[in-house]
Amino acid sequence: MADATAAVDMDELRTFVADVLDVDEEDVTDDADFVKTLGVDSLMALEVMVVLEKKYSVKLEEREMKDITTLRKVHDLLASKMGE
């Protein structure tokens, strides 16, 4: 499992998410709420999911979208998916 987590670099993920959401990297802290803090709507969240699936070659379920609320949760979800 440690290898899967290492495969998802937090800083790389932060840069990637900030780019997709078109926000400053500094605003995407580990625990910044995507909706409350960064103003992410459902369409933006879906876009993040799609690009994450492509970048990390994982399949994210629609029901998991509600869990993608912070960078830390995205990281944990990706790490668990890549560990499967």
Protein backbone atom coordinates (compact mmCIF):
# COMPACT_ATOMS: atom_id res chain seq x y z
CA MET A 1 0.00 0.00 0.00
CA ALA A 2 2.87 2.38 0.74
CA ASP A 3 4.02 2.07 -2.84
CA ALA A 4 0.60 3.12 -4.16
CA THR A 5 0.56 6.16 -1.90
CA ALA A 6 4.04 7.11 -3.03
CA ALA A 7 2.84 6.90 -6.62
CA VAL A 8 0.45 9.78 -5.93
CA ASP A 9 2.65 12.75 -5.09
CA MET A 10 0.69 15.29 -3.04
CA ASP A 11 2.41 18.35 -4.55
CA GLU A 12 1.99 17.02 -8.08
CA LEU A 13 -1.67 16.34 -7.33
CA ARG A 14 -2.08 19.86 -5.89
CA THR A 15 -0.61 21.41 -9.06
CA PHE A 16 -2.81 19.24 -11.22
CA VAL A 17 -6.05 20.02 -9.33
CA ALA A 18 -5.26 23.73 -9.18
CA ASP A 19 -4.72 23.73 -12.94
CA VAL A 20 -8.00 21.92 -13.64
CA LEU A 21 -9.94 24.22 -11.28
CA ASP A 22 -8.10 27.31 -12.53
CA VAL A 23 -7.21 28.44 -9.01
CA ASP A 24 -3.90 29.37 -7.36
CA GLU A 25 -1.90 26.41 -6.12
CA GLU A 26 -1.54 28.04 -2.69
CA ASP A 27 -5.34 27.98 -2.34
CA VAL A 28 -5.44 24.20 -2.77
CA THR A 29 -4.30 23.27 0.72
CA ASP A 30 -4.51 19.66 1.89
CA ASP A 31 -7.80 20.29 3.68
CA ALA A 32 -9.31 23.21 1.73
CA ASP A 33 -12.92 22.29 0.96
CA PHE A 34 -13.34 22.31 -2.81
CA VAL A 35 -16.91 23.61 -2.66
CA LYS A 36 -16.83 25.96 0.36
CA THR A 37 -13.30 27.30 -0.04
CA LEU A 38 -12.58 27.02 -3.76
CA GLY A 39 -16.10 27.45 -5.18
CA VAL A 40 -16.13 24.15 -7.07
CA ASP A 41 -19.49 23.26 -8.60
CA SER A 42 -20.66 19.80 -9.69
CA LEU A 43 -19.50 20.32 -13.27
CA MET A 44 -15.99 21.27 -12.11
CA ALA A 45 -15.95 18.27 -9.75
CA LEU A 46 -16.88 16.00 -12.64
CA GLU A 47 -14.08 17.50 -14.73
CA VAL A 48 -11.60 16.84 -11.92
CA MET A 49 -12.79 13.23 -11.75
CA VAL A 50 -12.40 12.72 -15.50
CA VAL A 51 -8.89 14.14 -15.67
CA LEU A 52 -7.82 12.21 -12.56
CA GLU A 53 -9.07 8.99 -14.14
CA LYS A 54 -7.02 9.70 -17.25
CA LYS A 55 -3.89 10.85 -15.46
CA TYR A 56 -3.77 8.02 -12.91
CA SER A 57 -5.45 5.29 -14.99
CA VAL A 58 -8.12 4.58 -12.38
CA LYS A 59 -11.89 4.24 -12.57
CA LEU A 60 -13.78 6.48 -10.16
CA GLU A 61 -17.41 5.70 -9.42
CA GLU A 62 -19.99 8.46 -9.60
CA ARG A 63 -20.91 7.85 -5.95
CA GLU A 64 -17.28 8.62 -5.02
CA MET A 65 -17.59 12.13 -6.41
CA LYS A 66 -19.26 13.29 -3.19
CA ASP A 67 -16.17 12.12 -1.29
CA ILE A 68 -13.84 14.25 -3.37
CA THR A 69 -14.07 17.35 -1.20
CA THR A 70 -10.44 18.06 -0.30
CA LEU A 71 -7.02 17.38 -1.78
CA ARG A 72 -6.26 14.96 1.05
CA LYS A 73 -9.43 12.94 0.27
CA VAL A 74 -8.57 12.89 -3.44
CA HIS A 75 -5.08 11.68 -2.58
CA ASP A 76 -6.40 8.94 -0.26
CA LEU A 77 -8.97 7.81 -2.81
CA LEU A 78 -6.40 7.62 -5.60
CA ALA A 79 -3.93 5.81 -3.37
CA SER A 80 -6.54 3.21 -2.42
CA LYS A 81 -7.61 2.76 -6.06
CA MET A 82 -4.04 2.32 -7.22
CA GLY A 83 -3.42 -0.16 -4.43
CA GLU A 84 -6.28 -2.41 -5.58
